[in-house]
Full PDB file with SEQRES, HELIX, SHEET, SSBOND, CRYST1, ORIGX, SCALE, CONECT and MASTER records, all heavy atoms in Angstrom:
SEQRES   1 A   41  GLU GLU GLU ARG SER ALA ARG ALA ARG ILE ARG GLY LEU          
SEQRES   2 A   41  ARG TYR THR PHE VAL SER PHE LEU ALA VAL LEU GLY VAL          
SEQRES   3 A   41  ALA GLY VAL LEU LYS LEU ARG TYR PRO GLY LEU ASN LEU          
SEQRES   4 A   41  PHE PRO                                                      
HELIX    1 AA1 GLU A    2  ARG A   33  1                                  32    
CRYST1    1.000    1.000    1.000  90.00  90.00  90.00 P 1           1          
ORIGX1      1.000000  0.000000  0.000000        0.00000                         
ORIGX2      0.000000  1.000000  0.000000        0.00000                         
ORIGX3      0.000000  0.000000  1.000000        0.00000                         
SCALE1      1.000000  0.000000  0.000000        0.00000                         
SCALE2      0.000000  1.000000  0.000000        0.00000                         
SCALE3      0.000000  0.000000  1.000000        0.00000                         
ATOM      1  N   GLU A   1     -22.072  11.388 -13.959  1.00  0.00           N  
ATOM      2  CA  GLU A   1     -20.796  10.613 -13.903  1.00  0.00           C  
ATOM      3  C   GLU A   1     -20.036  10.848 -12.638  1.00  0.00           C  
ATOM      4  O   GLU A   1     -19.515   9.959 -12.033  1.00  0.00           O  
ATOM      5  CB  GLU A   1     -19.945  10.942 -15.138  1.00  0.00           C  
ATOM      6  CG  GLU A   1     -20.484  10.488 -16.436  1.00  0.00           C  
ATOM      7  CD  GLU A   1     -20.627   8.954 -16.515  1.00  0.00           C  
ATOM      8  OE1 GLU A   1     -19.758   8.237 -15.972  1.00  0.00           O  
ATOM      9  OE2 GLU A   1     -21.596   8.475 -17.142  1.00  0.00           O  
ATOM     10  N   GLU A   2     -20.079  12.081 -12.153  1.00  0.00           N  
ATOM     11  CA  GLU A   2     -19.435  12.456 -10.885  1.00  0.00           C  
ATOM     12  C   GLU A   2     -20.091  11.736  -9.742  1.00  0.00           C  
ATOM     13  O   GLU A   2     -19.410  11.179  -8.869  1.00  0.00           O  
ATOM     14  CB  GLU A   2     -19.422  13.992 -10.677  1.00  0.00           C  
ATOM     15  CG  GLU A   2     -18.818  14.430  -9.402  1.00  0.00           C  
ATOM     16  CD  GLU A   2     -17.340  14.420  -9.431  1.00  0.00           C  
ATOM     17  OE1 GLU A   2     -16.769  14.588 -10.530  1.00  0.00           O  
ATOM     18  OE2 GLU A   2     -16.739  14.367  -8.349  1.00  0.00           O  
ATOM     19  N   GLU A   3     -21.416  11.661  -9.764  1.00  0.00           N  
ATOM     20  CA  GLU A   3     -22.197  10.976  -8.718  1.00  0.00           C  
ATOM     21  C   GLU A   3     -21.903   9.477  -8.720  1.00  0.00           C  
ATOM     22  O   GLU A   3     -21.680   8.902  -7.681  1.00  0.00           O  
ATOM     23  CB  GLU A   3     -23.678  11.239  -8.890  1.00  0.00           C  
ATOM     24  CG  GLU A   3     -24.511  10.627  -7.832  1.00  0.00           C  
ATOM     25  CD  GLU A   3     -25.959  10.869  -8.126  1.00  0.00           C  
ATOM     26  OE1 GLU A   3     -26.330  11.983  -8.546  1.00  0.00           O  
ATOM     27  OE2 GLU A   3     -26.802  10.005  -7.869  1.00  0.00           O  
ATOM     28  N   ARG A   4     -21.777   8.908  -9.883  1.00  0.00           N  
ATOM     29  CA  ARG A   4     -21.445   7.484  -9.973  1.00  0.00           C  
ATOM     30  C   ARG A   4     -20.070   7.158  -9.476  1.00  0.00           C  
ATOM     31  O   ARG A   4     -19.905   6.168  -8.771  1.00  0.00           O  
ATOM     32  CB  ARG A   4     -21.575   7.006 -11.477  1.00  0.00           C  
ATOM     33  CG  ARG A   4     -22.934   6.841 -11.942  1.00  0.00           C  
ATOM     34  CD  ARG A   4     -22.896   6.324 -13.375  1.00  0.00           C  
ATOM     35  NE  ARG A   4     -24.214   6.315 -13.953  1.00  0.00           N  
ATOM     36  CZ  ARG A   4     -24.495   6.216 -15.239  1.00  0.00           C  
ATOM     37  NH1 ARG A   4     -23.503   6.143 -16.086  1.00  0.00           N  
ATOM     38  NH2 ARG A   4     -25.712   6.253 -15.641  1.00  0.00           N  
ATOM     39  N   SER A   5     -19.125   8.033  -9.792  1.00  0.00           N  
ATOM     40  CA  SER A   5     -17.790   7.724  -9.280  1.00  0.00           C  
ATOM     41  C   SER A   5     -17.710   7.936  -7.850  1.00  0.00           C  
ATOM     42  O   SER A   5     -16.913   7.195  -7.141  1.00  0.00           O  
ATOM     43  CB  SER A   5     -16.761   8.587 -10.085  1.00  0.00           C  
ATOM     44  OG  SER A   5     -16.970   9.973  -9.797  1.00  0.00           O  
ATOM     45  N   ALA A   6     -18.409   8.844  -7.257  1.00  0.00           N  
ATOM     46  CA  ALA A   6     -18.408   9.059  -5.811  1.00  0.00           C  
ATOM     47  C   ALA A   6     -19.008   7.808  -5.133  1.00  0.00           C  
ATOM     48  O   ALA A   6     -18.502   7.378  -4.080  1.00  0.00           O  
ATOM     49  CB  ALA A   6     -19.142  10.286  -5.449  1.00  0.00           C  
ATOM     50  N   ARG A   7     -20.063   7.330  -5.660  1.00  0.00           N  
ATOM     51  CA  ARG A   7     -20.642   6.070  -5.092  1.00  0.00           C  
ATOM     52  C   ARG A   7     -19.727   4.889  -5.226  1.00  0.00           C  
ATOM     53  O   ARG A   7     -19.616   4.112  -4.238  1.00  0.00           O  
ATOM     54  CB  ARG A   7     -22.004   5.740  -5.737  1.00  0.00           C  
ATOM     55  CG  ARG A   7     -23.162   6.605  -5.243  1.00  0.00           C  
ATOM     56  CD  ARG A   7     -24.481   6.061  -5.783  1.00  0.00           C  
ATOM     57  NE  ARG A   7     -24.452   5.687  -7.164  1.00  0.00           N  
ATOM     58  CZ  ARG A   7     -25.275   6.213  -8.091  1.00  0.00           C  
ATOM     59  NH1 ARG A   7     -26.186   7.082  -7.719  1.00  0.00           N  
ATOM     60  NH2 ARG A   7     -25.217   5.813  -9.324  1.00  0.00           N  
ATOM     61  N   ALA A   8     -19.043   4.785  -6.264  1.00  0.00           N  
ATOM     62  CA  ALA A   8     -18.082   3.649  -6.447  1.00  0.00           C  
ATOM     63  C   ALA A   8     -16.930   3.863  -5.477  1.00  0.00           C  
ATOM     64  O   ALA A   8     -16.422   2.822  -4.954  1.00  0.00           O  
ATOM     65  CB  ALA A   8     -17.612   3.654  -7.887  1.00  0.00           C  
ATOM     66  N   ARG A   9     -16.478   4.996  -5.259  1.00  0.00           N  
ATOM     67  CA  ARG A   9     -15.398   5.289  -4.320  1.00  0.00           C  
ATOM     68  C   ARG A   9     -15.725   4.873  -2.920  1.00  0.00           C  
ATOM     69  O   ARG A   9     -15.037   4.203  -2.151  1.00  0.00           O  
ATOM     70  CB  ARG A   9     -14.955   6.726  -4.374  1.00  0.00           C  
ATOM     71  CG  ARG A   9     -13.748   7.051  -3.619  1.00  0.00           C  
ATOM     72  CD  ARG A   9     -13.353   8.525  -3.762  1.00  0.00           C  
ATOM     73  NE  ARG A   9     -13.415   9.032  -5.171  1.00  0.00           N  
ATOM     74  CZ  ARG A   9     -14.191   9.997  -5.629  1.00  0.00           C  
ATOM     75  NH1 ARG A   9     -15.002  10.588  -4.808  1.00  0.00           N  
ATOM     76  NH2 ARG A   9     -14.170  10.327  -6.891  1.00  0.00           N  
ATOM     77  N   ILE A  10     -16.991   5.231  -2.506  1.00  0.00           N  
ATOM     78  CA  ILE A  10     -17.454   4.942  -1.151  1.00  0.00           C  
ATOM     79  C   ILE A  10     -17.629   3.416  -1.034  1.00  0.00           C  
ATOM     80  O   ILE A  10     -17.289   2.804  -0.022  1.00  0.00           O  
ATOM     81  CB  ILE A  10     -18.768   5.618  -0.828  1.00  0.00           C  
ATOM     82  CG1 ILE A  10     -18.503   7.149  -0.659  1.00  0.00           C  
ATOM     83  CG2 ILE A  10     -19.480   5.090   0.400  1.00  0.00           C  
ATOM     84  CD1 ILE A  10     -19.798   7.978  -0.565  1.00  0.00           C  
ATOM     85  N   ARG A  11     -18.114   2.739  -2.121  1.00  0.00           N  
ATOM     86  CA  ARG A  11     -18.281   1.270  -2.063  1.00  0.00           C  
ATOM     87  C   ARG A  11     -16.919   0.601  -1.906  1.00  0.00           C  
ATOM     88  O   ARG A  11     -16.742  -0.358  -1.145  1.00  0.00           O  
ATOM     89  CB  ARG A  11     -18.950   0.817  -3.373  1.00  0.00           C  
ATOM     90  CG  ARG A  11     -19.392  -0.609  -3.285  1.00  0.00           C  
ATOM     91  CD  ARG A  11     -20.091  -1.099  -4.530  1.00  0.00           C  
ATOM     92  NE  ARG A  11     -20.944  -0.109  -5.140  1.00  0.00           N  
ATOM     93  CZ  ARG A  11     -20.840   0.325  -6.397  1.00  0.00           C  
ATOM     94  NH1 ARG A  11     -19.849  -0.122  -7.146  1.00  0.00           N  
ATOM     95  NH2 ARG A  11     -21.646   1.258  -6.877  1.00  0.00           N  
ATOM     96  N   GLY A  12     -15.926   1.095  -2.578  1.00  0.00           N  
ATOM     97  CA  GLY A  12     -14.572   0.560  -2.466  1.00  0.00           C  
ATOM     98  C   GLY A  12     -13.991   0.774  -1.084  1.00  0.00           C  
ATOM     99  O   GLY A  12     -13.367  -0.121  -0.523  1.00  0.00           O  
ATOM    100  N   LEU A  13     -14.249   1.900  -0.472  1.00  0.00           N  
ATOM    101  CA  LEU A  13     -13.798   2.153   0.859  1.00  0.00           C  
ATOM    102  C   LEU A  13     -14.498   1.243   1.894  1.00  0.00           C  
ATOM    103  O   LEU A  13     -13.909   0.803   2.853  1.00  0.00           O  
ATOM    104  CB  LEU A  13     -14.042   3.559   1.283  1.00  0.00           C  
ATOM    105  CG  LEU A  13     -13.042   4.612   0.629  1.00  0.00           C  
ATOM    106  CD1 LEU A  13     -13.490   6.020   0.878  1.00  0.00           C  
ATOM    107  CD2 LEU A  13     -11.625   4.417   1.120  1.00  0.00           C  
ATOM    108  N   ARG A  14     -15.781   1.003   1.622  1.00  0.00           N  
ATOM    109  CA  ARG A  14     -16.525   0.038   2.478  1.00  0.00           C  
ATOM    110  C   ARG A  14     -15.858  -1.330   2.469  1.00  0.00           C  
ATOM    111  O   ARG A  14     -15.716  -2.061   3.428  1.00  0.00           O  
ATOM    112  CB  ARG A  14     -17.968  -0.040   2.136  1.00  0.00           C  
ATOM    113  CG  ARG A  14     -18.704   1.167   2.598  1.00  0.00           C  
ATOM    114  CD  ARG A  14     -20.184   1.039   2.216  1.00  0.00           C  
ATOM    115  NE  ARG A  14     -20.945   2.215   2.542  1.00  0.00           N  
ATOM    116  CZ  ARG A  14     -22.027   2.566   1.971  1.00  0.00           C  
ATOM    117  NH1 ARG A  14     -22.580   1.778   1.079  1.00  0.00           N  
ATOM    118  NH2 ARG A  14     -22.677   3.652   2.330  1.00  0.00           N  
ATOM    119  N   TYR A  15     -15.570  -1.811   1.266  1.00  0.00           N  
ATOM    120  CA  TYR A  15     -14.915  -3.063   1.100  1.00  0.00           C  
ATOM    121  C   TYR A  15     -13.604  -3.122   1.818  1.00  0.00           C  
ATOM    122  O   TYR A  15     -13.201  -4.137   2.446  1.00  0.00           O  
ATOM    123  CB  TYR A  15     -14.742  -3.476  -0.356  1.00  0.00           C  
ATOM    124  CG  TYR A  15     -16.040  -3.795  -1.120  1.00  0.00           C  
ATOM    125  CD1 TYR A  15     -16.157  -3.498  -2.485  1.00  0.00           C  
ATOM    126  CD2 TYR A  15     -17.069  -4.437  -0.473  1.00  0.00           C  
ATOM    127  CE1 TYR A  15     -17.336  -3.807  -3.159  1.00  0.00           C  
ATOM    128  CE2 TYR A  15     -18.283  -4.718  -1.150  1.00  0.00           C  
ATOM    129  CZ  TYR A  15     -18.362  -4.408  -2.517  1.00  0.00           C  
ATOM    130  OH  TYR A  15     -19.546  -4.682  -3.095  1.00  0.00           O  
ATOM    131  N   THR A  16     -12.842  -2.090   1.721  1.00  0.00           N  
ATOM    132  CA  THR A  16     -11.528  -2.001   2.407  1.00  0.00           C  
ATOM    133  C   THR A  16     -11.750  -2.063   3.954  1.00  0.00           C  
ATOM    134  O   THR A  16     -11.070  -2.781   4.650  1.00  0.00           O  
ATOM    135  CB  THR A  16     -10.833  -0.630   2.056  1.00  0.00           C  
ATOM    136  OG1 THR A  16     -10.647  -0.590   0.638  1.00  0.00           O  
ATOM    137  CG2 THR A  16      -9.534  -0.521   2.762  1.00  0.00           C  
ATOM    138  N   PHE A  17     -12.778  -1.318   4.424  1.00  0.00           N  
ATOM    139  CA  PHE A  17     -13.104  -1.354   5.833  1.00  0.00           C  
ATOM    140  C   PHE A  17     -13.460  -2.741   6.294  1.00  0.00           C  
ATOM    141  O   PHE A  17     -12.971  -3.256   7.364  1.00  0.00           O  
ATOM    142  CB  PHE A  17     -14.229  -0.391   6.097  1.00  0.00           C  
ATOM    143  CG  PHE A  17     -14.607  -0.149   7.531  1.00  0.00           C  
ATOM    144  CD1 PHE A  17     -13.786   0.678   8.296  1.00  0.00           C  
ATOM    145  CD2 PHE A  17     -15.693  -0.716   8.081  1.00  0.00           C  
ATOM    146  CE1 PHE A  17     -14.116   0.912   9.649  1.00  0.00           C  
ATOM    147  CE2 PHE A  17     -16.009  -0.525   9.427  1.00  0.00           C  
ATOM    148  CZ  PHE A  17     -15.259   0.285  10.173  1.00  0.00           C  
ATOM    149  N   VAL A  18     -14.263  -3.447   5.596  1.00  0.00           N  
ATOM    150  CA  VAL A  18     -14.711  -4.814   5.893  1.00  0.00           C  
ATOM    151  C   VAL A  18     -13.520  -5.723   5.869  1.00  0.00           C  
ATOM    152  O   VAL A  18     -13.370  -6.659   6.750  1.00  0.00           O  
ATOM    153  CB  VAL A  18     -15.886  -5.295   5.011  1.00  0.00           C  
ATOM    154  CG1 VAL A  18     -16.169  -6.775   5.173  1.00  0.00           C  
ATOM    155  CG2 VAL A  18     -17.108  -4.441   5.295  1.00  0.00           C  
ATOM    156  N   SER A  19     -12.587  -5.565   4.894  1.00  0.00           N  
ATOM    157  CA  SER A  19     -11.420  -6.368   4.812  1.00  0.00           C  
ATOM    158  C   SER A  19     -10.498  -6.228   6.018  1.00  0.00           C  
ATOM    159  O   SER A  19     -10.028  -7.216   6.599  1.00  0.00           O  
ATOM    160  CB  SER A  19     -10.627  -6.098   3.539  1.00  0.00           C  
ATOM    161  OG  SER A  19     -11.386  -6.287   2.397  1.00  0.00           O  
ATOM    162  N   PHE A  20     -10.357  -4.971   6.455  1.00  0.00           N  
ATOM    163  CA  PHE A  20      -9.517  -4.738   7.656  1.00  0.00           C  
ATOM    164  C   PHE A  20     -10.183  -5.361   8.904  1.00  0.00           C  
ATOM    165  O   PHE A  20      -9.501  -5.857   9.806  1.00  0.00           O  
ATOM    166  CB  PHE A  20      -9.328  -3.285   7.840  1.00  0.00           C  
ATOM    167  CG  PHE A  20      -8.316  -2.645   6.881  1.00  0.00           C  
ATOM    168  CD1 PHE A  20      -8.435  -1.320   6.488  1.00  0.00           C  
ATOM    169  CD2 PHE A  20      -7.269  -3.381   6.358  1.00  0.00           C  
ATOM    170  CE1 PHE A  20      -7.561  -0.741   5.641  1.00  0.00           C  
ATOM    171  CE2 PHE A  20      -6.375  -2.832   5.482  1.00  0.00           C  
ATOM    172  CZ  PHE A  20      -6.517  -1.470   5.096  1.00  0.00           C  
ATOM    173  N   LEU A  21     -11.501  -5.258   9.000  1.00  0.00           N  
ATOM    174  CA  LEU A  21     -12.171  -5.901  10.133  1.00  0.00           C  
ATOM    175  C   LEU A  21     -12.012  -7.377  10.127  1.00  0.00           C  
ATOM    176  O   LEU A  21     -11.829  -7.974  11.174  1.00  0.00           O  
ATOM    177  CB  LEU A  21     -13.694  -5.545  10.070  1.00  0.00           C  
ATOM    178  CG  LEU A  21     -14.152  -4.219  10.611  1.00  0.00           C  
ATOM    179  CD1 LEU A  21     -15.627  -4.075  10.429  1.00  0.00           C  
ATOM    180  CD2 LEU A  21     -13.812  -4.100  12.077  1.00  0.00           C  
ATOM    181  N   ALA A  22     -12.049  -8.016   8.929  1.00  0.00           N  
ATOM    182  CA  ALA A  22     -11.836  -9.429   8.860  1.00  0.00           C  
ATOM    183  C   ALA A  22     -10.442  -9.819   9.298  1.00  0.00           C  
ATOM    184  O   ALA A  22     -10.239 -10.775  10.029  1.00  0.00           O  
ATOM    185  CB  ALA A  22     -12.122  -9.916   7.416  1.00  0.00           C  
ATOM    186  N   VAL A  23      -9.431  -9.027   8.882  1.00  0.00           N  
ATOM    187  CA  VAL A  23      -8.052  -9.309   9.326  1.00  0.00           C  
ATOM    188  C   VAL A  23      -7.944  -9.185  10.863  1.00  0.00           C  
ATOM    189  O   VAL A  23      -7.240  -9.993  11.412  1.00  0.00           O  
ATOM    190  CB  VAL A  23      -7.112  -8.450   8.518  1.00  0.00           C  
ATOM    191  CG1 VAL A  23      -5.689  -8.519   9.142  1.00  0.00           C  
ATOM    192  CG2 VAL A  23      -7.075  -8.787   7.090  1.00  0.00           C  
ATOM    193  N   LEU A  24      -8.570  -8.171  11.371  1.00  0.00           N  
ATOM    194  CA  LEU A  24      -8.488  -7.987  12.787  1.00  0.00           C  
ATOM    195  C   LEU A  24      -9.187  -9.192  13.507  1.00  0.00           C  
ATOM    196  O   LEU A  24      -8.700  -9.628  14.575  1.00  0.00           O  
ATOM    197  CB  LEU A  24      -9.131  -6.697  13.229  1.00  0.00           C  
ATOM    198  CG  LEU A  24      -8.290  -5.424  13.079  1.00  0.00           C  
ATOM    199  CD1 LEU A  24      -9.126  -4.170  13.402  1.00  0.00           C  
ATOM    200  CD2 LEU A  24      -7.047  -5.453  13.904  1.00  0.00           C  
ATOM    201  N   GLY A  25     -10.248  -9.639  12.951  1.00  0.00           N  
ATOM    202  CA  GLY A  25     -10.934 -10.841  13.544  1.00  0.00           C  
ATOM    203  C   GLY A  25     -10.076 -12.073  13.511  1.00  0.00           C  
ATOM    204  O   GLY A  25     -10.007 -12.787  14.517  1.00  0.00           O  
ATOM    205  N   VAL A  26      -9.379 -12.299  12.411  1.00  0.00           N  
ATOM    206  CA  VAL A  26      -8.488 -13.379  12.292  1.00  0.00           C  
ATOM    207  C   VAL A  26      -7.335 -13.326  13.253  1.00  0.00           C  
ATOM    208  O   VAL A  26      -6.937 -14.298  13.911  1.00  0.00           O  
ATOM    209  CB  VAL A  26      -8.005 -13.588  10.823  1.00  0.00           C  
ATOM    210  CG1 VAL A  26      -6.897 -14.550  10.716  1.00  0.00           C  
ATOM    211  CG2 VAL A  26      -9.112 -13.972   9.889  1.00  0.00           C  
ATOM    212  N   ALA A  27      -6.766 -12.122  13.403  1.00  0.00           N  
ATOM    213  CA  ALA A  27      -5.736 -11.867  14.340  1.00  0.00           C  
ATOM    214  C   ALA A  27      -6.207 -12.119  15.736  1.00  0.00           C  
ATOM    215  O   ALA A  27      -5.452 -12.696  16.595  1.00  0.00           O  
ATOM    216  CB  ALA A  27      -5.188 -10.459  14.171  1.00  0.00           C  
ATOM    217  N   GLY A  28      -7.421 -11.711  16.083  1.00  0.00           N  
ATOM    218  CA  GLY A  28      -8.020 -11.962  17.398  1.00  0.00           C  
ATOM    219  C   GLY A  28      -8.135 -13.494  17.713  1.00  0.00           C  
ATOM    220  O   GLY A  28      -7.820 -13.928  18.760  1.00  0.00           O  
ATOM    221  N   VAL A  29      -8.589 -14.235  16.656  1.00  0.00           N  
ATOM    222  CA  VAL A  29      -8.687 -15.669  16.844  1.00  0.00           C  
ATOM    223  C   VAL A  29      -7.305 -16.299  16.991  1.00  0.00           C  
ATOM    224  O   VAL A  29      -7.159 -17.227  17.833  1.00  0.00           O  
ATOM    225  CB  VAL A  29      -9.434 -16.279  15.642  1.00  0.00           C  
ATOM    226  CG1 VAL A  29      -9.354 -17.819  15.611  1.00  0.00           C  
ATOM    227  CG2 VAL A  29     -10.892 -15.816  15.613  1.00  0.00           C  
ATOM    228  N   LEU A  30      -6.299 -15.817  16.267  1.00  0.00           N  
ATOM    229  CA  LEU A  30      -4.975 -16.345  16.447  1.00  0.00           C  
ATOM    230  C   LEU A  30      -4.460 -16.067  17.878  1.00  0.00           C  
ATOM    231  O   LEU A  30      -3.801 -16.915  18.492  1.00  0.00           O  
ATOM    232  CB  LEU A  30      -4.041 -15.712  15.437  1.00  0.00           C  
ATOM    233  CG  LEU A  30      -4.035 -16.241  14.059  1.00  0.00           C  
ATOM    234  CD1 LEU A  30      -3.191 -15.400  13.107  1.00  0.00           C  
ATOM    235  CD2 LEU A  30      -3.568 -17.712  14.010  1.00  0.00           C  
ATOM    236  N   LYS A  31      -4.773 -14.874  18.385  1.00  0.00           N  
ATOM    237  CA  LYS A  31      -4.343 -14.514  19.751  1.00  0.00           C  
ATOM    238  C   LYS A  31      -4.990 -15.477  20.777  1.00  0.00           C  
ATOM    239  O   LYS A  31      -4.370 -15.914  21.741  1.00  0.00           O  
ATOM    240  CB  LYS A  31      -4.643 -13.073  20.017  1.00  0.00           C  
ATOM    241  CG  LYS A  31      -4.133 -12.598  21.395  1.00  0.00           C  
ATOM    242  CD  LYS A  31      -2.619 -12.676  21.458  1.00  0.00           C  
ATOM    243  CE  LYS A  31      -2.170 -12.080  22.710  1.00  0.00           C  
ATOM    244  NZ  LYS A  31      -0.698 -12.238  22.903  1.00  0.00           N  
ATOM    245  N   LEU A  32      -6.281 -15.785  20.557  1.00  0.00           N  
ATOM    246  CA  LEU A  32      -6.986 -16.734  21.481  1.00  0.00           C  
ATOM    247  C   LEU A  32      -6.402 -18.115  21.365  1.00  0.00           C  
ATOM    248  O   LEU A  32      -6.268 -18.808  22.370  1.00  0.00           O  
ATOM    249  CB  LEU A  32      -8.452 -16.741  21.215  1.00  0.00           C  
ATOM    250  CG  LEU A  32      -9.288 -15.496  21.553  1.00  0.00           C  
ATOM    251  CD1 LEU A  32     -10.670 -15.586  21.097  1.00  0.00           C  
ATOM    252  CD2 LEU A  32      -9.198 -15.310  23.106  1.00  0.00           C  
ATOM    253  N   ARG A  33      -6.072 -18.543  20.155  1.00  0.00           N  
ATOM    254  CA  ARG A  33      -5.558 -19.861  19.922  1.00  0.00           C  
ATOM    255  C   ARG A  33      -4.134 -20.076  20.469  1.00  0.00           C  
ATOM    256  O   ARG A  33      -3.764 -21.061  21.001  1.00  0.00           O  
ATOM    257  CB  ARG A  33      -5.603 -20.178  18.402  1.00  0.00           C  
ATOM    258  CG  ARG A  33      -5.132 -21.523  18.030  1.00  0.00           C  
ATOM    259  CD  ARG A  33      -6.269 -22.523  18.154  1.00  0.00           C  
ATOM    260  NE  ARG A  33      -5.833 -23.766  17.488  1.00  0.00           N  
ATOM    261  CZ  ARG A  33      -5.676 -24.913  18.138  1.00  0.00           C  
ATOM    262  NH1 ARG A  33      -5.973 -24.981  19.377  1.00  0.00           N  
ATOM    263  NH2 ARG A  33      -5.252 -26.003  17.521  1.00  0.00           N  
ATOM    264  N   TYR A  34      -3.295 -19.022  20.210  1.00  0.00           N  
ATOM    265  CA  TYR A  34      -1.938 -19.030  20.645  1.00  0.00           C  
ATOM    266  C   TYR A  34      -1.619 -17.844  21.546  1.00  0.00           C  
ATOM    267  O   TYR A  34      -1.181 -16.762  21.045  1.00  0.00           O  
ATOM    268  CB  TYR A  34      -0.958 -18.985  19.399  1.00  0.00           C  
ATOM    269  CG  TYR A  34      -1.234 -20.092  18.411  1.00  0.00           C  
ATOM    270  CD1 TYR A  34      -1.928 -19.793  17.225  1.00  0.00           C  
ATOM    271  CD2 TYR A  34      -0.788 -21.352  18.655  1.00  0.00           C  
ATOM    272  CE1 TYR A  34      -2.173 -20.844  16.291  1.00  0.00           C  
ATOM    273  CE2 TYR A  34      -1.044 -22.405  17.785  1.00  0.00           C  
ATOM    274  CZ  TYR A  34      -1.756 -22.128  16.589  1.00  0.00           C  
ATOM    275  OH  TYR A  34      -1.965 -23.126  15.683  1.00  0.00           O  
ATOM    276  N   PRO A  35      -1.923 -17.947  22.839  1.00  0.00           N  
ATOM    277  CA  PRO A  35      -1.739 -16.771  23.695  1.00  0.00           C  
ATOM    278  C   PRO A  35      -0.363 -16.192  23.785  1.00  0.00           C  
ATOM    279  O   PRO A  35      -0.198 -15.002  24.088  1.00  0.00           O  
ATOM    280  CB  PRO A  35      -2.121 -17.344  25.098  1.00  0.00           C  
ATOM    281  CG  PRO A  35      -2.807 -18.627  24.811  1.00  0.00           C  
ATOM    282  CD  PRO A  35      -2.349 -19.157  23.496  1.00  0.00           C  
ATOM    283  N   GLY A  36       0.693 -16.961  23.564  1.00  0.00           N  
ATOM    284  CA  GLY A  36       2.034 -16.437  23.617  1.00  0.00           C  
ATOM    285  C   GLY A  36       2.474 -15.585  22.350  1.00  0.00           C  
ATOM    286  O   GLY A  36       3.510 -14.981  22.394  1.00  0.00           O  
ATOM    287  N   LEU A  37       1.636 -15.599  21.338  1.00  0.00           N  
ATOM    288  CA  LEU A  37       1.949 -14.878  20.113  1.00  0.00           C  
ATOM    289  C   LEU A  37       1.852 -13.379  20.348  1.00  0.00           C  
ATOM    290  O   LEU A  37       0.808 -12.906  20.821  1.00  0.00           O  
ATOM    291  CB  LEU A  37       0.971 -15.339  19.045  1.00  0.00           C  
ATOM    292  CG  LEU A  37       1.279 -15.014  17.598  1.00  0.00           C  
ATOM    293  CD1 LEU A  37       2.615 -15.614  17.167  1.00  0.00           C  
ATOM    294  CD2 LEU A  37       0.148 -15.539  16.713  1.00  0.00           C  
ATOM    295  N   ASN A  38       2.884 -12.651  19.912  1.00  0.00           N  
ATOM    296  CA  ASN A  38       2.843 -11.184  20.111  1.00  0.00           C  
ATOM    297  C   ASN A  38       2.268 -10.541  18.830  1.00  0.00           C  
ATOM    298  O   ASN A  38       2.937 -10.464  17.782  1.00  0.00           O  
ATOM    299  CB  ASN A  38       4.259 -10.685  20.399  1.00  0.00           C  
ATOM    300  CG  ASN A  38       4.261  -9.192  20.661  1.00  0.00           C  
ATOM    301  OD1 ASN A  38       3.215  -8.617  20.902  1.00  0.00           O  
ATOM    302  ND2 ASN A  38       5.421  -8.574  20.669  1.00  0.00           N  
ATOM    303  N   LEU A  39       1.086 -10.046  18.953  1.00  0.00           N  
ATOM    304  CA  LEU A  39       0.430  -9.493  17.752  1.00  0.00           C  
ATOM    305  C   LEU A  39       0.267  -7.971  17.851  1.00  0.00           C  
ATOM    306  O   LEU A  39      -0.382  -7.345  17.009  1.00  0.00           O  
ATOM    307  CB  LEU A  39      -0.969 -10.117  17.556  1.00  0.00           C  
ATOM    308  CG  LEU A  39      -0.989 -11.554  17.126  1.00  0.00           C  
ATOM    309  CD1 LEU A  39      -2.461 -12.086  17.088  1.00  0.00           C  
ATOM    310  CD2 LEU A  39      -0.340 -11.737  15.776  1.00  0.00           C  
ATOM    311  N   PHE A  40       0.810  -7.357  18.934  1.00  0.00           N  
ATOM    312  CA  PHE A  40       0.579  -5.928  19.164  1.00  0.00           C  
ATOM    313  C   PHE A  40       1.065  -5.099  17.973  1.00  0.00           C  
ATOM    314  O   PHE A  40       0.302  -4.202  17.528  1.00  0.00           O  
ATOM    315  CB  PHE A  40       1.249  -5.453  20.424  1.00  0.00           C  
ATOM    316  CG  PHE A  40       1.030  -4.022  20.653  1.00  0.00           C  
ATOM    317  CD1 PHE A  40      -0.215  -3.518  21.045  1.00  0.00           C  
ATOM    318  CD2 PHE A  40       2.066  -3.127  20.468  1.00  0.00           C  
ATOM    319  CE1 PHE A  40      -0.374  -2.201  21.247  1.00  0.00           C  
ATOM    320  CE2 PHE A  40       1.893  -1.797  20.627  1.00  0.00           C  
ATOM    321  CZ  PHE A  40       0.653  -1.254  21.033  1.00  0.00           C  
ATOM    322  N   PRO A  41       2.231  -5.308  17.438  1.00  0.00           N  
ATOM    323  CA  PRO A  41       2.654  -4.442  16.252  1.00  0.00           C  
ATOM    324  C   PRO A  41       1.742  -4.575  15.065  1.00  0.00           C  
ATOM    325  O   PRO A  41       1.316  -3.527  14.501  1.00  0.00           O  
ATOM    326  CB  PRO A  41       4.090  -4.941  15.928  1.00  0.00           C  
ATOM    327  CG  PRO A  41       4.533  -5.675  17.140  1.00  0.00           C  
ATOM    328  CD  PRO A  41       3.332  -6.203  17.787  1.00  0.00           C  
TER     329      PRO A  41                                                      
MASTER        0    0    0    1    0    0    0    6  328    1    0    4          
END                                                                             
């Protein structure tokens, strides 16, 4: 059970990592589309 929960925790962290990458990608596309947009913060 401990091994199963550890694998599930890592899988959840991977999904979180991929979600953050997707958001960064969308923000990058927005910056290309609207160059005057301040996205640094």
